[in-house]
């Protein structure tokens, strides 16, 4: 059996594909001996990016145009958490995310600080941002995300402010996938409402990709309206 030290190289290799690739489909991982090794490797990578590159990457959004745009859309964000001890079902979410990205046709990159690499939809880790129009990185599962916060009883919370930029459609659709697979074991909330324009494209993308599924309902939305017919 090969040493677990190969795992960080596998994770790094999954991010090094050309930016011409719209998405990276997950592949069976035959060499994983410990998910903890994955968490440590990805955590170190994300921490280094956050410390050295995020501020520089986002600086361009605070000119006069960016300042006005931020003023109008700053509060548009999504957050999610998973009950402690419950599996985040990352392989299933990653598979859904790759299919949604393929149907979305929005240019993506790995993180706001790393425009040289394409998005990652790996069976242990998801990370992407909008290419050339990025805001917060979307990363999953919560315990590997750079923007995580630990709340009461050890529950890990994540937030992704998208400012309604183009990649918000994919972020929102993936949140629907998370809610579909985890149900009451997770909490998914959004400042956008189900009847708002920000969710229209996400509903359409999710329904087109998974026509056999019922649209999930987020935790802070009003009671689901009655079904027509």
Protein backbone atom coordinates (compact mmCIF):
# COMPACT_ATOMS: atom_id res chain seq x y z
CA UNK A 1 0.00 0.00 0.00
CA UNK A 2 1.32 3.43 -0.83
CA UNK A 3 2.06 5.94 1.89
CA UNK A 4 -0.70 8.41 2.88
CA UNK A 5 1.83 11.15 2.11
CA UNK A 6 0.79 10.81 -1.55
CA UNK A 7 -2.62 12.29 -0.75
CA UNK A 8 -1.62 16.00 -0.67
CA UNK A 9 -0.08 15.53 -4.14
CA UNK A 10 -3.32 14.01 -5.39
CA UNK A 11 -5.31 16.91 -3.96
CA UNK A 12 -2.92 19.45 -5.44
CA UNK A 13 -3.00 17.71 -8.79
CA UNK A 14 -6.79 17.98 -8.92
CA UNK A 15 -6.42 21.79 -8.93
CA UNK A 16 -3.72 22.05 -11.57
CA UNK A 17 -5.74 21.44 -14.69
CA UNK A 18 -6.02 24.08 -17.39
CA UNK A 19 -8.43 26.96 -16.88
CA UNK A 20 -9.89 26.07 -20.25
CA UNK A 21 -11.66 23.16 -18.54
CA UNK A 22 -15.07 24.30 -17.33
CA UNK A 23 -15.21 21.79 -14.52
CA UNK A 24 -13.31 18.86 -13.04
CA UNK A 25 -15.38 15.73 -12.65
CA UNK A 26 -14.64 13.70 -9.54
CA UNK A 27 -12.80 10.43 -10.00
CA UNK A 28 -12.73 7.34 -7.75
CA UNK A 29 -10.10 7.80 -5.06
CA UNK A 30 -8.30 4.48 -4.62
CA UNK A 31 -5.44 5.74 -2.43
CA UNK A 32 -7.23 7.44 0.47
CA UNK A 33 -6.29 5.98 3.83
CA UNK A 34 -7.54 8.86 5.96
CA UNK A 35 -9.88 11.79 5.37
CA UNK A 36 -7.94 13.60 8.09
CA UNK A 37 -4.92 13.76 5.76
CA UNK A 38 -7.11 15.43 3.14
CA UNK A 39 -8.44 17.93 5.64
CA UNK A 40 -4.97 18.88 6.84
CA UNK A 41 -3.52 19.25 3.34
CA UNK A 42 -6.38 21.35 1.99
CA UNK A 43 -6.59 23.39 5.20
CA UNK A 44 -2.94 24.41 4.96
CA UNK A 45 -3.32 25.36 1.32
CA UNK A 46 -6.40 27.49 1.92
CA UNK A 47 -4.87 29.19 4.95
CA UNK A 48 -1.79 30.19 2.94
CA UNK A 49 -3.96 31.60 0.15
CA UNK A 50 -6.10 33.55 2.58
CA UNK A 51 -3.07 35.04 4.34
CA UNK A 52 -1.13 36.14 1.26
CA UNK A 53 -3.41 36.55 -1.74
CA UNK A 54 -7.06 37.21 -0.93
CA UNK A 55 -6.61 40.90 -0.13
CA UNK A 56 -4.69 41.50 -3.35
CA UNK A 57 -7.17 39.51 -5.44
CA UNK A 58 -10.18 41.43 -4.12
CA UNK A 59 -8.63 44.89 -4.14
CA UNK A 60 -9.85 45.63 -7.66
CA UNK A 61 -13.47 45.50 -6.50
CA UNK A 62 -13.18 48.63 -4.39
CA UNK A 63 -12.81 51.27 -7.08
CA UNK A 64 -15.68 53.70 -7.68
CA UNK A 65 -17.69 51.20 -9.75
CA UNK A 66 -16.98 48.36 -7.36
CA UNK A 67 -17.84 50.52 -4.37
CA UNK A 68 -21.29 51.31 -5.77
CA UNK A 69 -21.89 47.70 -6.72
CA UNK A 70 -20.89 46.51 -3.26
CA UNK A 71 -23.19 49.06 -1.63
CA UNK A 72 -26.17 47.63 -3.52
CA UNK A 73 -25.42 43.92 -3.21
CA UNK A 74 -23.27 43.51 -0.09
CA UNK A 75 -25.94 41.76 1.94
CA UNK A 76 -26.66 39.09 -0.66
CA UNK A 77 -25.15 35.93 0.79
CA UNK A 78 -25.84 32.32 1.73
CA UNK A 79 -24.81 30.28 4.76
CA UNK A 80 -24.99 26.63 5.73
CA UNK A 81 -23.99 24.23 8.49
CA UNK A 82 -24.22 20.51 9.19
CA UNK A 83 -25.17 18.85 12.44
CA UNK A 84 -22.13 17.64 14.36
CA UNK A 85 -21.29 14.01 13.70
CA UNK A 86 -23.32 13.80 10.48
CA UNK A 87 -21.63 12.98 7.18
CA UNK A 88 -21.49 15.93 4.71
CA UNK A 89 -22.03 13.45 1.82
CA UNK A 90 -19.30 15.26 -0.11
CA UNK A 91 -18.96 12.68 -2.94
CA UNK A 92 -22.66 13.02 -3.78
CA UNK A 93 -22.56 16.82 -3.52
CA UNK A 94 -19.40 16.97 -5.67
CA UNK A 95 -20.98 14.81 -8.35
CA UNK A 96 -24.06 17.04 -8.39
CA UNK A 97 -21.88 20.17 -8.44
CA UNK A 98 -19.93 18.94 -11.46
CA UNK A 99 -23.15 18.26 -13.39
CA UNK A 100 -24.60 21.64 -12.40
CA UNK A 101 -21.40 23.40 -13.47
CA UNK A 102 -21.51 21.63 -16.82
CA UNK A 103 -25.07 22.87 -17.41
CA UNK A 104 -24.42 26.36 -16.04
CA UNK A 105 -21.80 27.59 -18.56
CA UNK A 106 -20.48 30.22 -16.14
CA UNK A 107 -16.67 30.69 -16.31
CA UNK A 108 -15.10 29.43 -13.07
CA UNK A 109 -11.72 29.36 -11.35
CA UNK A 110 -10.36 27.58 -8.27
CA UNK A 111 -10.42 30.51 -5.79
CA UNK A 112 -10.46 34.31 -5.95
CA UNK A 113 -6.72 34.24 -5.24
CA UNK A 114 -5.97 31.53 -7.83
CA UNK A 115 -7.28 32.38 -11.32
CA UNK A 116 -4.70 30.09 -12.96
CA UNK A 117 -6.50 26.86 -12.06
CA UNK A 118 -9.97 25.61 -12.77
CA UNK A 119 -12.64 24.68 -10.19
CA UNK A 120 -12.32 21.56 -8.05
CA UNK A 121 -15.15 19.06 -7.67
CA UNK A 122 -13.30 16.31 -5.82
CA UNK A 123 -15.02 13.64 -3.76
CA UNK A 124 -13.53 15.13 -0.57
CA UNK A 125 -13.45 18.85 -1.40
CA UNK A 126 -15.25 21.41 -3.59
CA UNK A 127 -13.85 24.87 -4.34
CA UNK A 128 -14.68 27.44 -7.01
CA UNK A 129 -15.30 31.11 -7.70
CA UNK A 130 -16.40 33.17 -10.67
CA UNK A 131 -13.60 33.71 -13.18
CA UNK A 132 -12.83 37.40 -13.54
CA UNK A 133 -15.88 38.37 -11.45
CA UNK A 134 -15.22 36.70 -8.12
CA UNK A 135 -16.42 37.42 -4.61
CA UNK A 136 -16.30 34.86 -1.75
CA UNK A 137 -15.03 31.39 -2.62
CA UNK A 138 -17.59 28.60 -2.37
CA UNK A 139 -16.01 25.69 -0.51
CA UNK A 140 -17.45 22.46 0.85
CA UNK A 141 -17.57 20.56 3.21
CA UNK A 142 -17.76 23.10 6.07
CA UNK A 143 -14.87 21.72 8.12
CA UNK A 144 -12.48 22.23 5.16
CA UNK A 145 -13.72 25.68 4.10
CA UNK A 146 -11.45 28.69 4.61
CA UNK A 147 -14.34 30.91 5.76
CA UNK A 148 -15.69 28.51 8.41
CA UNK A 149 -16.72 29.52 11.92
CA UNK A 150 -17.30 27.20 14.87
CA UNK A 151 -20.60 27.87 16.66
CA UNK A 152 -22.39 26.35 19.62
CA UNK A 153 -21.87 22.65 20.33
CA UNK A 154 -19.05 22.52 17.77
CA UNK A 155 -21.34 23.10 14.80
CA UNK A 156 -19.34 24.55 11.86
CA UNK A 157 -20.94 27.38 9.88
CA UNK A 158 -19.95 28.67 6.44
CA UNK A 159 -20.99 31.79 4.57
CA UNK A 160 -20.57 32.75 0.92
CA UNK A 161 -21.27 36.34 -0.11
CA UNK A 162 -21.82 36.31 -3.87
CA UNK A 163 -23.11 39.88 -4.45
CA UNK A 164 -25.42 38.31 -7.07
CA UNK A 165 -22.51 37.86 -9.47
CA UNK A 166 -22.80 35.31 -12.25
CA UNK A 167 -21.47 32.36 -10.24
CA UNK A 168 -24.25 32.87 -7.68
CA UNK A 169 -26.51 30.71 -9.89
CA UNK A 170 -24.21 27.73 -9.41
CA UNK A 171 -23.69 28.42 -5.68
CA UNK A 172 -27.45 28.56 -5.12
CA UNK A 173 -28.09 25.39 -7.13
CA UNK A 174 -25.45 23.50 -5.13
CA UNK A 175 -27.13 24.67 -1.92
CA UNK A 176 -30.31 23.05 -3.21
CA UNK A 177 -28.33 19.85 -3.77
CA UNK A 178 -26.96 20.00 -0.21
CA UNK A 179 -30.46 20.41 1.17
CA UNK A 180 -31.73 17.56 -1.01
CA UNK A 181 -29.11 15.09 0.21
CA UNK A 182 -28.90 16.14 3.88
CA UNK A 183 -32.43 17.34 4.67
CA UNK A 184 -32.92 18.11 8.35
CA UNK A 185 -29.28 17.24 9.13
CA UNK A 186 -28.18 20.56 7.68
CA UNK A 187 -29.26 24.19 7.85
CA UNK A 188 -29.14 26.15 4.59
CA UNK A 189 -30.18 29.81 4.56
CA UNK A 190 -30.09 32.70 2.09
CA UNK A 191 -30.71 36.43 2.21
CA UNK A 192 -32.37 35.96 -1.17
CA UNK A 193 -35.99 34.85 -1.16
CA UNK A 194 -37.52 32.09 -3.31
CA UNK A 195 -39.65 34.57 -5.27
CA UNK A 196 -36.69 36.89 -5.93
CA UNK A 197 -34.82 37.22 -9.21
CA UNK A 198 -31.62 35.89 -7.64
CA UNK A 199 -33.06 32.39 -7.26
CA UNK A 200 -34.95 32.12 -10.55
CA UNK A 201 -31.92 30.99 -12.56
CA UNK A 202 -30.84 28.59 -9.78
CA UNK A 203 -34.25 26.90 -9.71
CA UNK A 204 -34.18 26.55 -13.49
CA UNK A 205 -30.64 25.13 -13.51
CA UNK A 206 -31.41 22.63 -10.73
CA UNK A 207 -34.67 21.48 -12.32
CA UNK A 208 -33.02 21.12 -15.74
CA UNK A 209 -30.15 19.06 -14.28
CA UNK A 210 -32.27 16.92 -11.94
CA UNK A 211 -35.79 16.83 -13.44
CA UNK A 212 -36.79 13.88 -11.24
CA UNK A 213 -36.22 15.78 -7.98
CA UNK A 214 -38.51 18.09 -6.07
CA UNK A 215 -37.07 21.55 -5.42
CA UNK A 216 -35.82 21.71 -1.81
CA UNK A 217 -36.87 24.55 0.51
CA UNK A 218 -34.33 26.54 2.52
CA UNK A 219 -34.68 26.88 6.29
CA UNK A 220 -35.37 30.60 6.53
CA UNK A 221 -37.81 30.81 3.62
CA UNK A 222 -41.55 31.26 4.19
CA UNK A 223 -43.74 28.19 4.24
CA UNK A 224 -43.74 26.35 0.92
CA UNK A 225 -46.69 27.43 -1.26
CA UNK A 226 -49.25 24.77 -2.20
CA UNK A 227 -48.49 22.81 -5.35
CA UNK A 228 -50.54 23.73 -8.42
CA UNK A 229 -53.02 21.11 -9.51
